[in-house]
N, C-alpha and C. Protein backbone atom coordinates (compact mmCIF):
# COMPACT_ATOMS: atom_id res chain seq x y z
N MET A 1 39.62 28.42 4.01
CA MET A 1 39.73 27.48 2.92
C MET A 1 38.32 27.16 2.40
N PRO A 2 38.08 27.28 1.08
CA PRO A 2 36.74 27.01 0.55
C PRO A 2 36.36 25.54 0.70
N ARG A 3 35.08 25.34 0.93
CA ARG A 3 34.58 23.96 1.04
C ARG A 3 34.64 23.28 -0.31
N SER A 4 34.97 22.04 -0.31
CA SER A 4 35.06 21.24 -1.53
C SER A 4 33.67 21.03 -2.14
N ILE A 5 33.63 20.91 -3.46
CA ILE A 5 32.34 20.62 -4.10
C ILE A 5 32.08 19.12 -4.19
N LEU A 6 32.99 18.30 -3.69
CA LEU A 6 32.79 16.86 -3.73
C LEU A 6 31.55 16.43 -2.94
N ARG A 7 31.39 16.98 -1.74
CA ARG A 7 30.24 16.61 -0.91
C ARG A 7 28.91 16.96 -1.60
N PRO A 8 28.72 18.17 -2.12
CA PRO A 8 27.44 18.44 -2.80
C PRO A 8 27.26 17.64 -4.09
N ILE A 9 28.35 17.29 -4.76
CA ILE A 9 28.23 16.43 -5.94
C ILE A 9 27.68 15.06 -5.50
N LEU A 10 28.24 14.52 -4.44
CA LEU A 10 27.78 13.22 -3.95
C LEU A 10 26.33 13.30 -3.46
N PHE A 11 26.00 14.39 -2.75
CA PHE A 11 24.64 14.55 -2.24
C PHE A 11 23.64 14.72 -3.39
N ALA A 12 23.99 15.54 -4.38
CA ALA A 12 23.12 15.75 -5.54
C ALA A 12 22.95 14.44 -6.32
N THR A 13 24.03 13.68 -6.42
CA THR A 13 23.95 12.38 -7.09
C THR A 13 22.99 11.46 -6.36
N LEU A 14 23.11 11.40 -5.05
CA LEU A 14 22.25 10.54 -4.25
C LEU A 14 20.79 10.97 -4.34
N VAL A 15 20.52 12.27 -4.19
CA VAL A 15 19.14 12.76 -4.20
C VAL A 15 18.51 12.60 -5.59
N ALA A 16 19.14 13.19 -6.60
CA ALA A 16 18.57 13.14 -7.95
C ALA A 16 18.54 11.70 -8.48
N GLY A 17 19.60 10.95 -8.22
CA GLY A 17 19.65 9.57 -8.68
C GLY A 17 18.57 8.71 -8.05
N THR A 18 18.34 8.91 -6.76
CA THR A 18 17.30 8.15 -6.07
C THR A 18 15.91 8.54 -6.56
N LEU A 19 15.64 9.83 -6.66
CA LEU A 19 14.33 10.27 -7.16
C LEU A 19 14.07 9.72 -8.56
N ASP A 20 15.07 9.82 -9.43
CA ASP A 20 14.90 9.38 -10.81
C ASP A 20 14.72 7.87 -10.92
N ILE A 21 15.50 7.11 -10.17
CA ILE A 21 15.37 5.65 -10.28
C ILE A 21 14.07 5.18 -9.63
N LEU A 22 13.61 5.84 -8.57
CA LEU A 22 12.32 5.48 -7.98
C LEU A 22 11.19 5.74 -8.98
N ALA A 23 11.27 6.84 -9.71
CA ALA A 23 10.27 7.11 -10.74
C ALA A 23 10.32 6.05 -11.83
N ALA A 24 11.52 5.68 -12.24
CA ALA A 24 11.67 4.66 -13.28
C ALA A 24 11.12 3.31 -12.81
N VAL A 25 11.39 2.95 -11.58
CA VAL A 25 10.87 1.68 -11.04
C VAL A 25 9.35 1.75 -10.95
N GLY A 26 8.83 2.88 -10.46
CA GLY A 26 7.38 3.05 -10.37
C GLY A 26 6.70 2.93 -11.72
N LEU A 27 7.26 3.58 -12.72
CA LEU A 27 6.70 3.51 -14.07
C LEU A 27 6.81 2.10 -14.65
N THR A 28 7.93 1.46 -14.38
CA THR A 28 8.12 0.08 -14.84
C THR A 28 7.05 -0.83 -14.25
N LEU A 29 6.80 -0.70 -12.96
CA LEU A 29 5.77 -1.51 -12.31
C LEU A 29 4.38 -1.15 -12.83
N PHE A 30 4.14 0.15 -13.03
CA PHE A 30 2.84 0.61 -13.55
C PHE A 30 2.52 -0.04 -14.89
N TYR A 31 3.53 -0.20 -15.71
CA TYR A 31 3.33 -0.81 -17.03
C TYR A 31 3.45 -2.34 -17.01
N GLY A 32 3.52 -2.90 -15.80
CA GLY A 32 3.51 -4.36 -15.67
C GLY A 32 4.81 -5.03 -16.05
N ARG A 33 5.90 -4.30 -15.94
CA ARG A 33 7.20 -4.87 -16.29
C ARG A 33 8.04 -5.09 -15.04
N GLU A 34 9.12 -5.76 -15.21
CA GLU A 34 10.02 -6.08 -14.10
C GLU A 34 11.11 -5.01 -13.95
N PRO A 35 11.25 -4.43 -12.75
CA PRO A 35 12.32 -3.45 -12.53
C PRO A 35 13.71 -4.00 -12.83
N ALA A 36 13.95 -5.26 -12.54
CA ALA A 36 15.27 -5.84 -12.82
C ALA A 36 15.57 -5.81 -14.31
N ASN A 37 14.56 -6.06 -15.14
CA ASN A 37 14.78 -5.98 -16.59
C ASN A 37 15.11 -4.56 -17.03
N MET A 38 14.41 -3.58 -16.43
CA MET A 38 14.69 -2.18 -16.75
C MET A 38 16.14 -1.83 -16.37
N LEU A 39 16.57 -2.29 -15.21
CA LEU A 39 17.93 -2.01 -14.77
C LEU A 39 18.96 -2.70 -15.67
N ARG A 40 18.67 -3.92 -16.09
CA ARG A 40 19.59 -4.60 -17.01
C ARG A 40 19.67 -3.86 -18.34
N TYR A 41 18.55 -3.29 -18.77
CA TYR A 41 18.54 -2.49 -20.00
C TYR A 41 19.43 -1.26 -19.84
N VAL A 42 19.38 -0.61 -18.67
CA VAL A 42 20.27 0.53 -18.39
C VAL A 42 21.72 0.08 -18.48
N ALA A 43 22.02 -1.05 -17.88
CA ALA A 43 23.40 -1.57 -17.90
C ALA A 43 23.84 -1.92 -19.31
N SER A 44 22.88 -2.28 -20.16
CA SER A 44 23.23 -2.70 -21.52
C SER A 44 23.71 -1.55 -22.39
N GLY A 45 23.52 -0.31 -21.92
CA GLY A 45 24.08 0.81 -22.67
C GLY A 45 25.58 0.65 -22.84
N PRO A 46 26.33 0.69 -21.75
CA PRO A 46 27.78 0.50 -21.87
C PRO A 46 28.21 -0.97 -21.92
N PHE A 47 27.33 -1.88 -21.48
CA PHE A 47 27.66 -3.31 -21.43
C PHE A 47 26.55 -4.11 -22.13
N PRO A 48 26.56 -4.19 -23.46
CA PRO A 48 25.46 -4.83 -24.19
C PRO A 48 25.02 -6.21 -23.69
N PRO A 49 25.93 -7.09 -23.27
CA PRO A 49 25.45 -8.40 -22.81
C PRO A 49 24.77 -8.38 -21.44
N ALA A 50 24.72 -7.24 -20.77
CA ALA A 50 24.16 -7.17 -19.41
C ALA A 50 22.71 -7.61 -19.33
N THR A 51 21.99 -7.58 -20.43
CA THR A 51 20.59 -8.01 -20.41
C THR A 51 20.47 -9.49 -20.04
N GLU A 52 21.56 -10.23 -20.16
CA GLU A 52 21.55 -11.68 -19.86
C GLU A 52 22.23 -12.00 -18.53
N TRP A 53 22.56 -11.00 -17.74
CA TRP A 53 23.36 -11.22 -16.54
C TRP A 53 22.58 -11.34 -15.25
N GLY A 54 21.28 -11.47 -15.31
CA GLY A 54 20.48 -11.67 -14.11
C GLY A 54 20.63 -10.55 -13.10
N ALA A 55 20.74 -10.96 -11.81
CA ALA A 55 20.84 -9.98 -10.73
C ALA A 55 22.09 -9.11 -10.86
N ALA A 56 23.16 -9.67 -11.35
CA ALA A 56 24.39 -8.88 -11.53
C ALA A 56 24.18 -7.78 -12.57
N GLY A 57 23.45 -8.09 -13.62
CA GLY A 57 23.14 -7.09 -14.64
C GLY A 57 22.26 -5.98 -14.09
N ALA A 58 21.30 -6.35 -13.22
CA ALA A 58 20.43 -5.35 -12.60
C ALA A 58 21.24 -4.45 -11.66
N ALA A 59 22.12 -5.05 -10.87
CA ALA A 59 22.97 -4.27 -9.97
C ALA A 59 23.88 -3.33 -10.77
N LEU A 60 24.40 -3.84 -11.87
CA LEU A 60 25.24 -3.02 -12.72
C LEU A 60 24.43 -1.86 -13.31
N GLY A 61 23.17 -2.13 -13.67
CA GLY A 61 22.30 -1.06 -14.19
C GLY A 61 22.11 0.04 -13.17
N LEU A 62 21.94 -0.32 -11.92
CA LEU A 62 21.80 0.68 -10.86
C LEU A 62 23.10 1.48 -10.72
N ALA A 63 24.23 0.80 -10.80
CA ALA A 63 25.52 1.49 -10.72
C ALA A 63 25.72 2.43 -11.92
N VAL A 64 25.34 1.98 -13.11
CA VAL A 64 25.45 2.82 -14.30
C VAL A 64 24.57 4.05 -14.16
N HIS A 65 23.34 3.84 -13.66
CA HIS A 65 22.42 4.96 -13.46
C HIS A 65 23.06 6.01 -12.54
N PHE A 66 23.59 5.59 -11.41
CA PHE A 66 24.18 6.54 -10.46
C PHE A 66 25.47 7.14 -11.00
N ALA A 67 26.21 6.42 -11.81
CA ALA A 67 27.42 6.98 -12.43
C ALA A 67 27.04 8.11 -13.39
N ILE A 68 26.00 7.88 -14.19
CA ILE A 68 25.54 8.93 -15.10
C ILE A 68 25.06 10.14 -14.30
N MET A 69 24.34 9.89 -13.22
CA MET A 69 23.85 10.98 -12.39
C MET A 69 25.00 11.74 -11.74
N ALA A 70 26.07 11.04 -11.37
CA ALA A 70 27.23 11.71 -10.79
C ALA A 70 27.87 12.64 -11.81
N VAL A 71 27.93 12.22 -13.05
CA VAL A 71 28.46 13.09 -14.10
C VAL A 71 27.58 14.32 -14.26
N MET A 72 26.26 14.12 -14.28
CA MET A 72 25.34 15.26 -14.41
C MET A 72 25.51 16.24 -13.25
N ALA A 73 25.59 15.71 -12.03
CA ALA A 73 25.75 16.58 -10.86
C ALA A 73 27.11 17.30 -10.89
N ALA A 74 28.16 16.59 -11.24
CA ALA A 74 29.49 17.19 -11.27
C ALA A 74 29.58 18.31 -12.31
N ILE A 75 28.98 18.10 -13.47
CA ILE A 75 29.00 19.14 -14.51
C ILE A 75 28.29 20.39 -14.01
N TYR A 76 27.12 20.22 -13.41
CA TYR A 76 26.37 21.39 -12.95
C TYR A 76 27.12 22.12 -11.83
N LEU A 77 27.62 21.38 -10.86
CA LEU A 77 28.32 22.03 -9.74
C LEU A 77 29.61 22.70 -10.20
N ALA A 78 30.31 22.09 -11.12
CA ALA A 78 31.53 22.73 -11.65
C ALA A 78 31.16 24.01 -12.39
N ALA A 79 30.08 23.98 -13.15
CA ALA A 79 29.64 25.18 -13.87
C ALA A 79 29.17 26.25 -12.88
N ALA A 80 28.44 25.84 -11.85
CA ALA A 80 27.93 26.80 -10.86
C ALA A 80 29.06 27.45 -10.07
N GLU A 81 30.16 26.75 -9.95
CA GLU A 81 31.32 27.32 -9.25
C GLU A 81 31.88 28.50 -10.04
N ARG A 82 31.75 28.44 -11.36
CA ARG A 82 32.31 29.49 -12.22
C ARG A 82 31.28 30.52 -12.69
N LEU A 83 30.01 30.13 -12.68
CA LEU A 83 28.95 31.01 -13.19
C LEU A 83 27.96 31.33 -12.07
N PRO A 84 28.10 32.49 -11.44
CA PRO A 84 27.24 32.83 -10.30
C PRO A 84 25.75 32.81 -10.61
N SER A 85 25.34 33.08 -11.84
CA SER A 85 23.91 33.07 -12.15
C SER A 85 23.29 31.69 -11.93
N LEU A 86 24.07 30.63 -12.09
CA LEU A 86 23.54 29.28 -11.87
C LEU A 86 23.17 29.05 -10.42
N ARG A 87 23.90 29.67 -9.52
CA ARG A 87 23.58 29.48 -8.10
C ARG A 87 22.61 30.53 -7.57
N ARG A 88 22.49 31.65 -8.26
CA ARG A 88 21.55 32.69 -7.82
C ARG A 88 20.12 32.40 -8.26
N ARG A 89 19.94 31.69 -9.36
CA ARG A 89 18.61 31.42 -9.89
C ARG A 89 18.42 29.92 -10.14
N PRO A 90 18.41 29.13 -9.05
CA PRO A 90 18.37 27.68 -9.21
C PRO A 90 17.09 27.15 -9.86
N LEU A 91 15.97 27.81 -9.66
CA LEU A 91 14.75 27.31 -10.30
C LEU A 91 14.84 27.43 -11.82
N LEU A 92 15.23 28.59 -12.28
CA LEU A 92 15.37 28.79 -13.73
C LEU A 92 16.41 27.84 -14.31
N TRP A 93 17.60 27.82 -13.71
CA TRP A 93 18.68 27.02 -14.26
C TRP A 93 18.47 25.52 -14.03
N GLY A 94 17.73 25.15 -13.00
CA GLY A 94 17.39 23.75 -12.80
C GLY A 94 16.49 23.23 -13.91
N VAL A 95 15.51 24.06 -14.30
CA VAL A 95 14.63 23.68 -15.42
C VAL A 95 15.45 23.58 -16.71
N ILE A 96 16.29 24.58 -16.94
CA ILE A 96 17.12 24.57 -18.15
C ILE A 96 18.06 23.37 -18.14
N TYR A 97 18.64 23.06 -16.99
CA TYR A 97 19.54 21.92 -16.92
C TYR A 97 18.79 20.60 -17.12
N GLY A 98 17.59 20.50 -16.58
CA GLY A 98 16.78 19.31 -16.81
C GLY A 98 16.48 19.12 -18.29
N LEU A 99 16.13 20.21 -18.97
CA LEU A 99 15.89 20.13 -20.42
C LEU A 99 17.17 19.74 -21.15
N THR A 100 18.29 20.28 -20.70
CA THR A 100 19.57 19.98 -21.33
C THR A 100 19.94 18.51 -21.15
N THR A 101 19.76 17.99 -19.93
CA THR A 101 20.10 16.58 -19.70
C THR A 101 19.17 15.67 -20.51
N TYR A 102 17.91 16.06 -20.63
CA TYR A 102 16.98 15.29 -21.46
C TYR A 102 17.47 15.26 -22.91
N ALA A 103 17.83 16.43 -23.43
CA ALA A 103 18.27 16.51 -24.82
C ALA A 103 19.55 15.71 -25.05
N VAL A 104 20.51 15.84 -24.15
CA VAL A 104 21.78 15.12 -24.31
C VAL A 104 21.54 13.61 -24.25
N MET A 105 20.76 13.17 -23.29
CA MET A 105 20.51 11.73 -23.16
C MET A 105 19.78 11.18 -24.39
N ASN A 106 18.74 11.89 -24.85
CA ASN A 106 17.90 11.35 -25.91
C ASN A 106 18.36 11.68 -27.33
N LEU A 107 19.18 12.70 -27.48
CA LEU A 107 19.65 13.05 -28.81
C LEU A 107 21.10 12.66 -29.07
N VAL A 108 21.84 12.35 -27.99
CA VAL A 108 23.26 12.00 -28.15
C VAL A 108 23.54 10.61 -27.55
N VAL A 109 23.37 10.46 -26.25
CA VAL A 109 23.80 9.24 -25.55
C VAL A 109 23.03 8.01 -26.04
N VAL A 110 21.71 8.04 -25.96
CA VAL A 110 20.90 6.88 -26.35
C VAL A 110 21.11 6.50 -27.83
N PRO A 111 21.06 7.46 -28.76
CA PRO A 111 21.29 7.08 -30.17
C PRO A 111 22.68 6.51 -30.45
N LEU A 112 23.67 6.85 -29.65
CA LEU A 112 25.00 6.27 -29.85
C LEU A 112 25.00 4.76 -29.60
N ARG A 113 24.10 4.28 -28.75
CA ARG A 113 24.08 2.87 -28.39
C ARG A 113 22.91 2.10 -29.01
N PHE A 114 21.75 2.73 -29.04
CA PHE A 114 20.55 2.03 -29.49
C PHE A 114 20.10 2.57 -30.83
N ALA A 115 19.65 1.68 -31.71
CA ALA A 115 19.26 2.08 -33.07
C ALA A 115 18.01 2.96 -33.08
N ALA A 116 17.00 2.59 -32.34
CA ALA A 116 15.75 3.35 -32.34
C ALA A 116 15.86 4.57 -31.45
N PRO A 117 15.40 5.73 -31.92
CA PRO A 117 15.42 6.90 -31.04
C PRO A 117 14.42 6.70 -29.90
N LEU A 118 14.84 7.10 -28.73
CA LEU A 118 13.99 6.97 -27.55
C LEU A 118 13.72 8.35 -26.98
N PRO A 119 12.64 8.60 -26.37
CA PRO A 119 11.47 7.75 -26.21
C PRO A 119 10.58 7.82 -27.43
N PRO A 120 9.83 6.76 -27.68
CA PRO A 120 9.06 6.67 -28.92
C PRO A 120 7.70 7.36 -28.90
N SER A 121 7.13 7.66 -27.74
CA SER A 121 5.78 8.20 -27.70
C SER A 121 5.72 9.57 -27.02
N THR A 122 4.63 10.28 -27.26
CA THR A 122 4.43 11.58 -26.62
C THR A 122 4.38 11.42 -25.11
N ARG A 123 3.72 10.37 -24.63
CA ARG A 123 3.64 10.12 -23.19
C ARG A 123 5.03 9.90 -22.60
N ALA A 124 5.85 9.13 -23.31
CA ALA A 124 7.20 8.86 -22.83
C ALA A 124 8.04 10.14 -22.82
N ILE A 125 7.86 10.98 -23.83
CA ILE A 125 8.58 12.26 -23.87
C ILE A 125 8.17 13.11 -22.67
N ALA A 126 6.86 13.23 -22.43
CA ALA A 126 6.37 14.03 -21.31
C ALA A 126 6.87 13.48 -19.98
N THR A 127 6.84 12.17 -19.82
CA THR A 127 7.31 11.54 -18.59
C THR A 127 8.79 11.81 -18.37
N GLN A 128 9.58 11.62 -19.44
CA GLN A 128 11.02 11.85 -19.30
C GLN A 128 11.35 13.32 -19.05
N LEU A 129 10.62 14.21 -19.70
CA LEU A 129 10.84 15.64 -19.44
C LEU A 129 10.56 15.96 -17.97
N PHE A 130 9.45 15.45 -17.46
CA PHE A 130 9.13 15.65 -16.04
C PHE A 130 10.28 15.15 -15.16
N CYS A 131 10.71 13.92 -15.42
CA CYS A 131 11.77 13.33 -14.59
C CYS A 131 13.07 14.12 -14.69
N HIS A 132 13.44 14.50 -15.89
CA HIS A 132 14.71 15.23 -16.06
C HIS A 132 14.64 16.62 -15.43
N ILE A 133 13.50 17.28 -15.52
CA ILE A 133 13.39 18.63 -14.97
C ILE A 133 13.17 18.58 -13.45
N VAL A 134 12.11 17.88 -13.02
CA VAL A 134 11.69 17.94 -11.62
C VAL A 134 12.53 17.05 -10.71
N LEU A 135 12.96 15.91 -11.20
CA LEU A 135 13.67 14.96 -10.34
C LEU A 135 15.18 15.02 -10.48
N VAL A 136 15.67 15.63 -11.56
CA VAL A 136 17.12 15.71 -11.78
C VAL A 136 17.60 17.16 -11.78
N GLY A 137 17.16 17.95 -12.74
CA GLY A 137 17.66 19.32 -12.87
C GLY A 137 17.43 20.19 -11.66
N LEU A 138 16.19 20.23 -11.18
CA LEU A 138 15.89 21.09 -10.03
C LEU A 138 16.60 20.67 -8.75
N PRO A 139 16.60 19.38 -8.38
CA PRO A 139 17.34 19.02 -7.16
C PRO A 139 18.84 19.33 -7.25
N ILE A 140 19.44 19.06 -8.39
CA ILE A 140 20.87 19.35 -8.54
C ILE A 140 21.11 20.86 -8.40
N ALA A 141 20.30 21.67 -9.05
CA ALA A 141 20.46 23.12 -8.99
C ALA A 141 20.23 23.66 -7.57
N MET A 142 19.22 23.12 -6.89
CA MET A 142 18.95 23.57 -5.52
C MET A 142 20.07 23.18 -4.57
N ILE A 143 20.60 21.99 -4.73
CA ILE A 143 21.72 21.56 -3.88
C ILE A 143 22.95 22.41 -4.16
N ALA A 144 23.20 22.72 -5.41
CA ALA A 144 24.33 23.59 -5.76
C ALA A 144 24.16 24.97 -5.14
N ALA A 145 22.96 25.54 -5.26
CA ALA A 145 22.72 26.88 -4.71
C ALA A 145 22.92 26.88 -3.20
N ARG A 146 22.42 25.85 -2.54
CA ARG A 146 22.58 25.75 -1.08
C ARG A 146 24.05 25.64 -0.71
N HIS A 147 24.78 24.82 -1.45
CA HIS A 147 26.22 24.66 -1.17
C HIS A 147 26.95 25.99 -1.27
N PHE A 148 26.70 26.73 -2.34
CA PHE A 148 27.45 27.98 -2.54
C PHE A 148 27.00 29.07 -1.57
N ARG A 149 25.73 29.04 -1.15
CA ARG A 149 25.28 30.00 -0.11
C ARG A 149 26.01 29.70 1.19
N GLN A 150 26.07 28.44 1.57
CA GLN A 150 26.76 28.06 2.80
C GLN A 150 28.25 28.35 2.72
N ARG A 151 28.83 28.10 1.57
CA ARG A 151 30.26 28.35 1.40
C ARG A 151 30.57 29.83 1.56
N SER A 152 29.72 30.69 0.97
CA SER A 152 29.97 32.13 1.09
C SER A 152 29.73 32.62 2.51
N ALA A 153 28.87 31.92 3.26
CA ALA A 153 28.64 32.31 4.65
C ALA A 153 29.85 32.02 5.52
N PHE A 154 30.64 31.01 5.11
CA PHE A 154 31.84 30.66 5.88
C PHE A 154 33.06 31.44 5.43
N ALA A 155 32.95 32.17 4.33
CA ALA A 155 34.12 32.88 3.79
C ALA A 155 34.44 34.11 4.60
């Protein structure tokens, strides 16, 4: 019986989500801002009043972040299950997936909720590209490749 992809989806969500949120918190602190405010801003995407919800809004922002990451991980693993090239070349496809997640977030998701296109500066674009490629796309692709290698070893 083939191993379920639920476990690698959860693992990829945890790894990529943790790396990405740690980078976001680090950058927030570097710029002298409050991580809780950043998290409330994340929550305000689907829940606009969350910016006024204090600790609950920050907790919701963390949950929203990991929910988005779970969708990203699930999409990649589902695609890798059907497309062997995604699991054979995780470095290439991890970079491509990181670029894709960056484009979808900044050209589709964010503009649907917020009026101003984000990110506004070259530095912010470079930072987000790094995060999406190195902290999201590559870990998800590597976890998928490892899962499918192990699965084929048990077949």
